[in-house]
C-alpha atoms as a PDB file:
ATOM      1  CA  MET A   1     -13.820  36.622 -42.382  1.00  0.00           C
ATOM      2  CA  THR A   2     -14.337  37.171 -46.081  1.00  0.00           C
ATOM      3  CA  THR A   3     -17.763  38.045 -47.515  1.00  0.00           C
ATOM      4  CA  ARG A   4     -17.117  36.042 -50.689  1.00  0.00           C
ATOM      5  CA  ILE A   5     -16.129  32.375 -50.896  1.00  0.00           C
ATOM      6  CA  GLU A   6     -15.149  30.339 -53.939  1.00  0.00           C
ATOM      7  CA  MET A   7     -16.728  26.910 -54.219  1.00  0.00           C
ATOM      8  CA  VAL A   8     -15.141  23.946 -56.000  1.00  0.00           C
ATOM      9  CA  GLU A   9     -17.703  21.453 -57.278  1.00  0.00           C
ATOM     10  CA  VAL A  10     -16.424  17.888 -56.768  1.00  0.00           C
ATOM     11  CA  ALA A  11     -19.478  15.736 -57.545  1.00  0.00           C
ATOM     12  CA  ALA A  12     -18.189  14.523 -60.904  1.00  0.00           C
ATOM     13  CA  ARG A  13     -14.954  13.233 -59.355  1.00  0.00           C
ATOM     14  CA  ASP A  14     -14.915  12.796 -55.587  1.00  0.00           C
ATOM     15  CA  GLY A  15     -18.673  12.443 -55.614  1.00  0.00           C
ATOM     16  CA  LEU A  16     -18.846   9.609 -58.126  1.00  0.00           C
ATOM     17  CA  GLN A  17     -15.605   7.761 -57.382  1.00  0.00           C
ATOM     18  CA  ASN A  18     -17.098   5.559 -54.666  1.00  0.00           C
ATOM     19  CA  GLU A  19     -20.349   4.742 -56.469  1.00  0.00           C
ATOM     20  CA  PRO A  20     -21.069   1.101 -57.314  1.00  0.00           C
ATOM     21  CA  GLY A  21     -21.528   0.224 -60.946  1.00  0.00           C
ATOM     22  CA  PHE A  22     -20.589   2.804 -63.553  1.00  0.00           C
ATOM     23  CA  PHE A  23     -22.089   6.259 -64.026  1.00  0.00           C
ATOM     24  CA  PRO A  24     -22.230   6.789 -67.812  1.00  0.00           C
ATOM     25  CA  THR A  25     -19.869   9.264 -69.441  1.00  0.00           C
ATOM     26  CA  GLU A  26     -22.720  11.230 -70.997  1.00  0.00           C
ATOM     27  CA  ASP A  27     -24.349  11.608 -67.570  1.00  0.00           C
ATOM     28  CA  LYS A  28     -21.078  12.857 -66.074  1.00  0.00           C
ATOM     29  CA  LEU A  29     -20.941  15.465 -68.817  1.00  0.00           C
ATOM     30  CA  GLU A  30     -24.540  16.462 -68.125  1.00  0.00           C
ATOM     31  CA  LEU A  31     -23.772  16.752 -64.397  1.00  0.00           C
ATOM     32  CA  ILE A  32     -20.872  19.086 -65.163  1.00  0.00           C
ATOM     33  CA  ARG A  33     -22.996  21.096 -67.589  1.00  0.00           C
ATOM     34  CA  ARG A  34     -25.706  21.534 -64.948  1.00  0.00           C
ATOM     35  CA  ALA A  35     -23.119  22.552 -62.343  1.00  0.00           C
ATOM     36  CA  VAL A  36     -21.796  25.227 -64.695  1.00  0.00           C
ATOM     37  CA  ALA A  37     -25.343  26.438 -65.367  1.00  0.00           C
ATOM     38  CA  ALA A  38     -25.826  26.759 -61.587  1.00  0.00           C
ATOM     39  CA  GLY A  39     -22.777  29.027 -61.388  1.00  0.00           C
ATOM     40  CA  SER A  40     -19.833  26.679 -60.738  1.00  0.00           C
ATOM     41  CA  LYS A  41     -16.530  28.133 -61.965  1.00  0.00           C
ATOM     42  CA  ARG A  42     -14.083  25.493 -60.687  1.00  0.00           C
ATOM     43  CA  ILE A  43     -14.988  21.835 -61.131  1.00  0.00           C
ATOM     44  CA  GLU A  44     -13.208  18.551 -60.455  1.00  0.00           C
ATOM     45  CA  VAL A  45     -14.045  16.736 -63.663  1.00  0.00           C
ATOM     46  CA  ALA A  46     -12.001  13.521 -63.503  1.00  0.00           C
ATOM     47  CA  SER A  47      -9.329  11.537 -61.716  1.00  0.00           C
ATOM     48  CA  PHE A  48      -6.373  10.217 -63.707  1.00  0.00           C
ATOM     49  CA  VAL A  49      -5.765   7.091 -61.655  1.00  0.00           C
ATOM     50  CA  HIS A  50      -5.528   3.388 -62.454  1.00  0.00           C
ATOM     51  CA  PRO A  51      -9.004   2.205 -63.577  1.00  0.00           C
ATOM     52  CA  GLY A  52      -8.548  -1.017 -61.652  1.00  0.00           C
ATOM     53  CA  ARG A  53      -8.294   0.958 -58.430  1.00  0.00           C
ATOM     54  CA  VAL A  54     -11.108   3.435 -59.130  1.00  0.00           C
ATOM     55  CA  PRO A  55     -13.343   2.005 -61.898  1.00  0.00           C
ATOM     56  CA  GLN A  56     -15.688   5.009 -61.915  1.00  0.00           C
ATOM     57  CA  MET A  57     -12.856   7.152 -63.278  1.00  0.00           C
ATOM     58  CA  ALA A  58     -11.923   4.780 -66.128  1.00  0.00           C
ATOM     59  CA  ASP A  59     -13.372   7.239 -68.666  1.00  0.00           C
ATOM     60  CA  ALA A  60     -11.359  10.254 -67.499  1.00  0.00           C
ATOM     61  CA  GLU A  61     -10.018  11.132 -70.944  1.00  0.00           C
ATOM     62  CA  ALA A  62     -13.433  10.656 -72.557  1.00  0.00           C
ATOM     63  CA  VAL A  63     -15.092  12.940 -70.029  1.00  0.00           C
ATOM     64  CA  VAL A  64     -12.552  15.714 -70.503  1.00  0.00           C
ATOM     65  CA  ALA A  65     -12.716  15.344 -74.291  1.00  0.00           C
ATOM     66  CA  GLY A  66     -16.485  15.790 -74.135  1.00  0.00           C
ATOM     67  CA  LEU A  67     -16.326  19.054 -72.217  1.00  0.00           C
ATOM     68  CA  PRO A  68     -16.755  22.319 -74.105  1.00  0.00           C
ATOM     69  CA  LYS A  69     -13.559  24.276 -74.634  1.00  0.00           C
ATOM     70  CA  ARG A  70     -13.356  26.987 -71.992  1.00  0.00           C
ATOM     71  CA  ASP A  71     -10.691  29.423 -70.924  1.00  0.00           C
ATOM     72  CA  ALA A  72      -9.498  28.865 -67.367  1.00  0.00           C
ATOM     73  CA  SER A  73     -10.532  32.418 -66.494  1.00  0.00           C
ATOM     74  CA  GLU A  74     -14.140  31.404 -67.233  1.00  0.00           C
ATOM     75  CA  ILE A  75     -14.350  27.779 -66.051  1.00  0.00           C
ATOM     76  CA  THR A  76     -11.487  25.817 -64.509  1.00  0.00           C
ATOM     77  CA  TYR A  77     -11.470  22.071 -65.126  1.00  0.00           C
ATOM     78  CA  ILE A  78      -9.488  20.221 -62.440  1.00  0.00           C
ATOM     79  CA  GLY A  79      -8.005  16.749 -62.859  1.00  0.00           C
ATOM     80  CA  LEU A  80      -6.915  14.782 -59.797  1.00  0.00           C
ATOM     81  CA  VAL A  81      -3.562  13.011 -60.192  1.00  0.00           C
ATOM     82  CA  LEU A  82      -1.577  10.958 -57.690  1.00  0.00           C
ATOM     83  CA  ASN A  83       1.761  10.539 -59.452  1.00  0.00           C
ATOM     84  CA  LYS A  84       3.845  11.555 -62.449  1.00  0.00           C
ATOM     85  CA  ARG A  85       2.136   9.041 -64.725  1.00  0.00           C
ATOM     86  CA  GLY A  86      -1.271  10.487 -63.883  1.00  0.00           C
ATOM     87  CA  ALA A  87       0.036  14.017 -64.370  1.00  0.00           C
ATOM     88  CA  LEU A  88       1.328  13.187 -67.838  1.00  0.00           C
ATOM     89  CA  ARG A  89      -2.044  11.650 -68.729  1.00  0.00           C
ATOM     90  CA  ALA A  90      -3.837  14.773 -67.552  1.00  0.00           C
ATOM     91  CA  LEU A  91      -1.501  17.038 -69.501  1.00  0.00           C
ATOM     92  CA  GLU A  92      -2.581  15.281 -72.705  1.00  0.00           C
ATOM     93  CA  THR A  93      -6.099  16.625 -72.101  1.00  0.00           C
ATOM     94  CA  GLN A  94      -7.596  20.099 -71.782  1.00  0.00           C
ATOM     95  CA  VAL A  95      -7.724  20.170 -67.959  1.00  0.00           C
ATOM     96  CA  HIS A  96      -6.557  23.534 -66.694  1.00  0.00           C
ATOM     97  CA  GLU A  97      -5.406  22.445 -63.263  1.00  0.00           C
ATOM     98  CA  LEU A  98      -3.744  19.444 -61.627  1.00  0.00           C
ATOM     99  CA  GLY A  99      -4.771  18.450 -58.120  1.00  0.00           C
ATOM    100  CA  ALA A 100      -2.223  16.446 -56.125  1.00  0.00           C
ATOM    101  CA  VAL A 101      -2.910  14.584 -52.857  1.00  0.00           C
ATOM    102  CA  ILE A 102      -0.625  14.366 -49.828  1.00  0.00           C
ATOM    103  CA  SER A 103      -1.530  11.937 -47.065  1.00  0.00           C
ATOM    104  CA  ALA A 104      -1.023  13.255 -43.535  1.00  0.00           C
ATOM    105  CA  SER A 105      -0.491   9.675 -42.324  1.00  0.00           C
ATOM    106  CA  ASP A 106       1.488   6.639 -43.408  1.00  0.00           C
ATOM    107  CA  GLY A 107      -1.455   4.311 -42.810  1.00  0.00           C
ATOM    108  CA  PHE A 108      -3.763   6.082 -45.220  1.00  0.00           C
ATOM    109  CA  GLY A 109      -1.020   6.909 -47.712  1.00  0.00           C
ATOM    110  CA  THR A 110       0.014   3.295 -48.137  1.00  0.00           C
ATOM    111  CA  ARG A 111      -3.565   2.091 -48.611  1.00  0.00           C
ATOM    112  CA  ASN A 112      -4.775   4.951 -50.829  1.00  0.00           C
ATOM    113  CA  GLN A 113      -1.654   5.612 -52.876  1.00  0.00           C
ATOM    114  CA  GLY A 114       0.771   2.820 -52.051  1.00  0.00           C
ATOM    115  CA  ARG A 115       3.123   5.436 -50.624  1.00  0.00           C
ATOM    116  CA  THR A 116       4.161   6.685 -47.178  1.00  0.00           C
ATOM    117  CA  SER A 117       3.161  10.185 -46.120  1.00  0.00           C
ATOM    118  CA  ASP A 118       6.541  11.663 -47.033  1.00  0.00           C
ATOM    119  CA  GLU A 119       6.502   9.824 -50.363  1.00  0.00           C
ATOM    120  CA  THR A 120       3.085  11.302 -51.215  1.00  0.00           C
ATOM    121  CA  LEU A 121       4.593  14.710 -50.460  1.00  0.00           C
ATOM    122  CA  GLU A 122       7.439  14.058 -52.890  1.00  0.00           C
ATOM    123  CA  ASP A 123       4.911  12.945 -55.515  1.00  0.00           C
ATOM    124  CA  ALA A 124       2.913  16.136 -55.009  1.00  0.00           C
ATOM    125  CA  LEU A 125       6.012  18.313 -55.352  1.00  0.00           C
ATOM    126  CA  GLU A 126       6.797  16.595 -58.656  1.00  0.00           C
ATOM    127  CA  ILE A 127       3.217  16.946 -59.911  1.00  0.00           C
ATOM    128  CA  ILE A 128       3.131  20.667 -59.119  1.00  0.00           C
ATOM    129  CA  ARG A 129       6.477  21.237 -60.815  1.00  0.00           C
ATOM    130  CA  ILE A 130       5.373  19.302 -63.924  1.00  0.00           C
ATOM    131  CA  GLY A 131       2.086  21.168 -64.100  1.00  0.00           C
ATOM    132  CA  LYS A 132       3.747  24.563 -63.833  1.00  0.00           C
ATOM    133  CA  GLU A 133       6.369  23.607 -66.421  1.00  0.00           C
ATOM    134  CA  HIS A 134       3.535  22.872 -68.850  1.00  0.00           C
ATOM    135  CA  GLY A 135       1.679  26.081 -68.114  1.00  0.00           C
ATOM    136  CA  ARG A 136      -1.046  24.511 -65.969  1.00  0.00           C
ATOM    137  CA  SER A 137      -2.205  25.536 -62.541  1.00  0.00           C
ATOM    138  CA  ALA A 138      -1.523  23.028 -59.754  1.00  0.00           C
ATOM    139  CA  GLN A 139      -2.574  22.606 -56.151  1.00  0.00           C
ATOM    140  CA  ALA A 140      -2.341  20.052 -53.355  1.00  0.00           C
ATOM    141  CA  THR A 141      -4.787  18.584 -50.864  1.00  0.00           C
ATOM    142  CA  ILE A 142      -3.587  17.222 -47.524  1.00  0.00           C
ATOM    143  CA  SER A 143      -5.857  14.238 -46.889  1.00  0.00           C
ATOM    144  CA  VAL A 144      -6.860  12.801 -43.487  1.00  0.00           C
ATOM    145  CA  ALA A 145      -5.798  16.144 -41.982  1.00  0.00           C
ATOM    146  CA  PHE A 146      -8.294  15.734 -39.128  1.00  0.00           C
ATOM    147  CA  GLY A 147      -7.886  12.044 -38.393  1.00  0.00           C
ATOM    148  CA  CYS A 148      -6.875   8.767 -40.032  1.00  0.00           C
ATOM    149  CA  PRO A 149      -8.873   5.505 -39.971  1.00  0.00           C
ATOM    150  CA  PHE A 150      -5.635   3.555 -39.507  1.00  0.00           C
ATOM    151  CA  ASP A 151      -3.254   5.818 -37.563  1.00  0.00           C
ATOM    152  CA  GLY A 152      -5.772   7.755 -35.485  1.00  0.00           C
ATOM    153  CA  GLU A 153      -5.170  11.349 -34.389  1.00  0.00           C
ATOM    154  CA  ILE A 154      -3.241  13.699 -36.670  1.00  0.00           C
ATOM    155  CA  ALA A 155      -1.400  16.563 -34.992  1.00  0.00           C
ATOM    156  CA  PRO A 156      -2.056  20.039 -36.460  1.00  0.00           C
ATOM    157  CA  SER A 157       1.717  20.503 -36.462  1.00  0.00           C
ATOM    158  CA  ARG A 158       2.058  17.569 -38.896  1.00  0.00           C
ATOM    159  CA  VAL A 159      -0.447  19.131 -41.287  1.00  0.00           C
ATOM    160  CA  ALA A 160       1.295  22.497 -40.957  1.00  0.00           C
ATOM    161  CA  ASP A 161       4.686  20.942 -41.702  1.00  0.00           C
ATOM    162  CA  LEU A 162       3.384  19.282 -44.867  1.00  0.00           C
ATOM    163  CA  ALA A 163       1.787  22.563 -45.924  1.00  0.00           C
ATOM    164  CA  ARG A 164       5.048  24.439 -45.386  1.00  0.00           C
ATOM    165  CA  ARG A 165       7.015  21.934 -47.440  1.00  0.00           C
ATOM    166  CA  VAL A 166       4.590  21.869 -50.378  1.00  0.00           C
ATOM    167  CA  ALA A 167       4.257  25.659 -50.354  1.00  0.00           C
ATOM    168  CA  ALA A 168       7.932  25.851 -51.321  1.00  0.00           C
ATOM    169  CA  VAL A 169       7.090  24.869 -54.926  1.00  0.00           C
ATOM    170  CA  GLY A 170       4.348  27.484 -55.300  1.00  0.00           C
ATOM    171  CA  PRO A 171       0.998  25.680 -55.639  1.00  0.00           C
ATOM    172  CA  ARG A 172      -2.117  27.699 -56.442  1.00  0.00           C
ATOM    173  CA  GLU A 173      -3.469  26.798 -53.010  1.00  0.00           C
ATOM    174  CA  ILE A 174      -3.319  24.154 -50.302  1.00  0.00           C
ATOM    175  CA  ALA A 175      -6.387  22.257 -49.157  1.00  0.00           C
ATOM    176  CA  ILE A 176      -6.940  20.504 -45.849  1.00  0.00           C
ATOM    177  CA  ALA A 177      -9.325  17.574 -46.074  1.00  0.00           C
ATOM    178  CA  ASP A 178     -11.394  15.693 -43.540  1.00  0.00           C
ATOM    179  CA  THR A 179     -11.346  12.574 -45.695  1.00  0.00           C
ATOM    180  CA  ILE A 180     -13.224  10.360 -43.223  1.00  0.00           C
ATOM    181  CA  GLY A 181     -15.518  12.954 -41.638  1.00  0.00           C
ATOM    182  CA  VAL A 182     -14.214  12.978 -38.063  1.00  0.00           C
ATOM    183  CA  GLY A 183     -13.441  16.677 -37.603  1.00  0.00           C
ATOM    184  CA  VAL A 184     -15.298  19.169 -35.415  1.00  0.00           C
ATOM    185  CA  PRO A 185     -15.326  22.990 -35.603  1.00  0.00           C
ATOM    186  CA  ASN A 186     -12.774  23.642 -32.856  1.00  0.00           C
ATOM    187  CA  GLN A 187     -10.391  21.217 -34.534  1.00  0.00           C
ATOM    188  CA  VAL A 188     -10.936  22.928 -37.887  1.00  0.00           C
ATOM    189  CA  LYS A 189      -9.975  26.254 -36.349  1.00  0.00           C
ATOM    190  CA  ALA A 190      -6.889  24.744 -34.718  1.00  0.00           C
ATOM    191  CA  VAL A 191      -5.665  23.115 -37.936  1.00  0.00           C
ATOM    192  CA  MET A 192      -6.432  26.260 -39.939  1.00  0.00           C
ATOM    193  CA  ALA A 193      -4.473  28.378 -37.460  1.00  0.00           C
ATOM    194  CA  ALA A 194      -1.465  26.050 -37.624  1.00  0.00           C
ATOM    195  CA  VAL A 195      -1.481  25.938 -41.426  1.00  0.00           C
ATOM    196  CA  LYS A 196      -1.965  29.681 -41.874  1.00  0.00           C
ATOM    197  CA  ALA A 197       0.937  30.336 -39.507  1.00  0.00           C
ATOM    198  CA  ALA A 198       3.125  27.926 -41.494  1.00  0.00           C
ATOM    199  CA  VAL A 199       2.242  29.340 -44.928  1.00  0.00           C
ATOM    200  CA  PRO A 200       1.257  33.001 -44.484  1.00  0.00           C
ATOM    201  CA  GLY A 201      -0.382  34.403 -47.574  1.00  0.00           C
ATOM    202  CA  MET A 202      -1.145  31.007 -49.133  1.00  0.00           C
ATOM    203  CA  PRO A 203      -4.834  30.531 -50.034  1.00  0.00           C
ATOM    204  CA  ILE A 204      -6.365  27.691 -48.020  1.00  0.00           C
ATOM    205  CA  ARG A 205      -9.167  25.454 -49.299  1.00  0.00           C
ATOM    206  CA  VAL A 206     -11.223  23.157 -47.061  1.00  0.00           C
ATOM    207  CA  HIS A 207     -12.772  19.793 -47.918  1.00  0.00           C
ATOM    208  CA  PHE A 208     -15.221  18.045 -45.589  1.00  0.00           C
ATOM    209  CA  HIS A 209     -17.121  14.771 -45.550  1.00  0.00           C
ATOM    210  CA  ASP A 210     -20.374  14.497 -43.628  1.00  0.00           C
ATOM    211  CA  THR A 211     -19.826  11.035 -42.157  1.00  0.00           C
ATOM    212  CA  ARG A 212     -20.651  12.200 -38.628  1.00  0.00           C
ATOM    213  CA  ASN A 213     -22.990  15.090 -39.466  1.00  0.00           C
ATOM    214  CA  THR A 214     -20.423  17.829 -38.800  1.00  0.00           C
ATOM    215  CA  ALA A 215     -19.502  18.927 -42.337  1.00  0.00           C
ATOM    216  CA  VAL A 216     -21.672  22.051 -42.617  1.00  0.00           C
ATOM    217  CA  ALA A 217     -20.534  23.256 -39.196  1.00  0.00           C
ATOM    218  CA  ASN A 218     -16.937  22.507 -40.165  1.00  0.00           C
ATOM    219  CA  ALA A 219     -17.298  24.413 -43.427  1.00  0.00           C
ATOM    220  CA  TRP A 220     -18.523  27.452 -41.506  1.00  0.00           C
ATOM    221  CA  ALA A 221     -15.649  27.116 -39.029  1.00  0.00           C
ATOM    222  CA  GLY A 222     -13.229  26.986 -41.957  1.00  0.00           C
ATOM    223  CA  VAL A 223     -14.706  30.129 -43.497  1.00  0.00           C
ATOM    224  CA  GLU A 224     -14.543  31.932 -40.148  1.00  0.00           C
ATOM    225  CA  ALA A 225     -10.907  30.858 -39.815  1.00  0.00           C
ATOM    226  CA  GLY A 226      -9.972  32.340 -43.180  1.00  0.00           C
ATOM    227  CA  ALA A 227     -10.468  29.650 -45.817  1.00  0.00           C
ATOM    228  CA  THR A 228     -10.928  31.199 -49.241  1.00  0.00           C
ATOM    229  CA  THR A 229     -12.407  28.151 -50.985  1.00  0.00           C
ATOM    230  CA  VAL A 230     -14.755  25.327 -49.981  1.00  0.00           C
ATOM    231  CA  ASP A 231     -15.132  21.982 -51.769  1.00  0.00           C
ATOM    232  CA  ALA A 232     -18.616  20.507 -51.982  1.00  0.00           C
ATOM    233  CA  SER A 233     -20.546  17.889 -53.939  1.00  0.00           C
ATOM    234  CA  ILE A 234     -24.022  18.334 -55.383  1.00  0.00           C
ATOM    235  CA  GLY A 235     -26.445  16.077 -53.521  1.00  0.00           C
ATOM    236  CA  GLY A 236     -23.809  15.235 -50.908  1.00  0.00           C
ATOM    237  CA  ILE A 237     -22.591  12.184 -52.834  1.00  0.00           C
ATOM    238  CA  GLY A 238     -19.135  10.716 -52.478  1.00  0.00           C
ATOM    239  CA  GLY A 239     -16.697   8.900 -50.284  1.00  0.00           C
ATOM    240  CA  CYS A 240     -13.212   7.489 -50.471  1.00  0.00           C
ATOM    241  CA  PRO A 241     -12.895   3.857 -51.631  1.00  0.00           C
ATOM    242  CA  PHE A 242      -9.934   3.410 -49.265  1.00  0.00           C
ATOM    243  CA  ALA A 243     -11.445   4.980 -46.118  1.00  0.00           C
ATOM    244  CA  PRO A 244     -13.681   2.511 -44.235  1.00  0.00           C
ATOM    245  CA  ASN A 245     -17.218   3.789 -43.589  1.00  0.00           C
ATOM    246  CA  ALA A 246     -16.511   7.240 -45.088  1.00  0.00           C
ATOM    247  CA  THR A 247     -19.712   8.632 -46.571  1.00  0.00           C
ATOM    248  CA  GLY A 248     -20.404  11.557 -48.835  1.00  0.00           C
ATOM    249  CA  ASN A 249     -18.996  15.028 -49.205  1.00  0.00           C
ATOM    250  CA  VAL A 250     -20.805  17.983 -47.748  1.00  0.00           C
ATOM    251  CA  ALA A 251     -23.651  18.857 -50.121  1.00  0.00           C
ATOM    252  CA  THR A 252     -23.096  21.926 -52.295  1.00  0.00           C
ATOM    253  CA  GLU A 253     -26.685  23.055 -51.860  1.00  0.00           C
ATOM    254  CA  ASP A 254     -26.428  22.746 -48.062  1.00  0.00           C
ATOM    255  CA  VAL A 255     -23.271  24.885 -47.924  1.00  0.00           C
ATOM    256  CA  GLN A 256     -24.765  27.363 -50.391  1.00  0.00           C
ATOM    257  CA  TYR A 257     -27.905  27.761 -48.267  1.00  0.00           C
ATOM    258  CA  MET A 258     -25.816  28.384 -45.141  1.00  0.00           C
ATOM    259  CA  LEU A 259     -23.523  30.896 -46.807  1.00  0.00           C
ATOM    260  CA  GLN A 260     -26.304  32.660 -48.706  1.00  0.00           C
ATOM    261  CA  ARG A 261     -28.379  33.140 -45.558  1.00  0.00           C
ATOM    262  CA  SER A 262     -25.226  34.358 -43.780  1.00  0.00           C
ATOM    263  CA  GLY A 263     -24.511  37.061 -46.334  1.00  0.00           C
ATOM    264  CA  VAL A 264     -21.523  35.326 -47.946  1.00  0.00           C
ATOM    265  CA  GLU A 265     -21.433  35.433 -51.755  1.00  0.00           C
ATOM    266  CA  THR A 266     -20.429  32.422 -53.851  1.00  0.00           C
ATOM    267  CA  GLY A 267     -21.841  33.121 -57.299  1.00  0.00           C
ATOM    268  CA  LEU A 268     -23.911  29.922 -57.153  1.00  0.00           C
ATOM    269  CA  ASN A 269     -27.639  29.665 -57.744  1.00  0.00           C
ATOM    270  CA  LEU A 270     -29.371  27.664 -55.016  1.00  0.00           C
ATOM    271  CA  ASP A 271     -32.399  26.711 -57.109  1.00  0.00           C
ATOM    272  CA  GLY A 272     -30.117  25.422 -59.866  1.00  0.00           C
ATOM    273  CA  LEU A 273     -28.184  23.320 -57.358  1.00  0.00           C
ATOM    274  CA  ILE A 274     -31.395  21.884 -55.918  1.00  0.00           C
ATOM    275  CA  ASP A 275     -32.708  21.012 -59.367  1.00  0.00           C
ATOM    276  CA  THR A 276     -29.415  19.327 -60.242  1.00  0.00           C
ATOM    277  CA  ALA A 277     -29.381  17.333 -57.013  1.00  0.00           C
ATOM    278  CA  LYS A 278     -32.899  16.085 -57.761  1.00  0.00           C
ATOM    279  CA  TRP A 279     -31.878  15.146 -61.312  1.00  0.00           C
ATOM    280  CA  LEU A 280     -28.812  13.335 -59.966  1.00  0.00           C
ATOM    281  CA  GLY A 281     -30.927  11.422 -57.455  1.00  0.00           C
ATOM    282  CA  GLN A 282     -33.216  10.272 -60.251  1.00  0.00           C
ATOM    283  CA  LYS A 283     -30.219   9.106 -62.293  1.00  0.00           C
ATOM    284  CA  MET A 284     -28.877   7.185 -59.307  1.00  0.00           C
ATOM    285  CA  GLY A 285     -32.264   5.799 -58.356  1.00  0.00           C
ATOM    286  CA  ARG A 286     -32.152   6.885 -54.737  1.00  0.00           C
ATOM    287  CA  THR A 287     -32.603   9.817 -52.375  1.00  0.00           C
ATOM    288  CA  LEU A 288     -29.295  11.625 -51.979  1.00  0.00           C
ATOM    289  CA  PRO A 289     -27.863  12.716 -48.609  1.00  0.00           C
ATOM    290  CA  GLY A 290     -28.158  16.489 -49.162  1.00  0.00           C
ATOM    291  CA  LEU A 291     -30.887  18.046 -47.019  1.00  0.00           C
ATOM    292  CA  VAL A 292     -31.643  21.352 -48.725  1.00  0.00           C
ATOM    293  CA  SER A 293     -32.459  19.580 -51.991  1.00  0.00           C
ATOM    294  CA  ARG A 294     -35.175  17.724 -50.097  1.00  0.00           C
ATOM    295  CA  ALA A 295     -36.450  20.540 -47.879  1.00  0.00           C
ATOM    296  CA  GLY A 296     -36.011  23.403 -50.342  1.00  0.00           C
ATOM    297  CA  GLY A 297     -34.615  26.848 -49.684  1.00  0.00           C
ATOM    298  CA  PHE A 298     -36.042  29.441 -47.319  1.00  0.00           C
ATOM    299  CA  PRO A 299     -39.857  29.516 -47.680  1.00  0.00           C
ATOM    300  CA  LYS A 300     -41.018  32.166 -50.106  1.00  0.00           C
END
């Protein structure tokens, strides 16, 4: 197990995409600024998808235009794209990295992307190729890797096969995502083992939702199993608009507390994350799901 983990902050994209109403562009920019101040080096800043499908991301270009110019070696701005059209939109902006999504099931793929599982794989291959041709980093996330709300159980071998096929085009990394929050630690270890065997040497990122209160435990299981990067969302906000009853991402401050107390470095500042989660809760007018932002860090 590594003693240093990279964290990808997803609050500004995966965190906000399922929120009702519209979170103002200037507040998205402030959220990203605060995340950077708390130590975040890789941040999902926008999703280049049809605004009719995900209204919260309708200002993707405006958000990216409002971000300070940074070299990717300092801060990496990630834009989520689902198809070639989205990739071309993203390439017109300053995002450093394209994030593609592969559905592990046909049921979720058709509802989330209007594509079968294999078709989402083909889309991801094209996105990664386009990104690399234009000098941008690119990676892929395998969604519903631990269970689908429509097709049920997902075999680790299916996830491993998708990982093997996308690895052929050389993405920066491959992520496995518990999109609906059904996974448990033993399952995380089994899927991680299958994927690592299929793509030896490929960095693996993990992405968990806390729908059934297992996300922090799953994140730890992923780290123990060799994940190099963990996605998380300040305050624990988020959810997928196309996954019934899926609640927020694992809270960045909760994962940071666990890793920090376990001797694993991330480069993040826990107090800064807590302050940002409280600010975000005030902006949203409610108490956010994250626990450490309410309880505080270890008593001083």
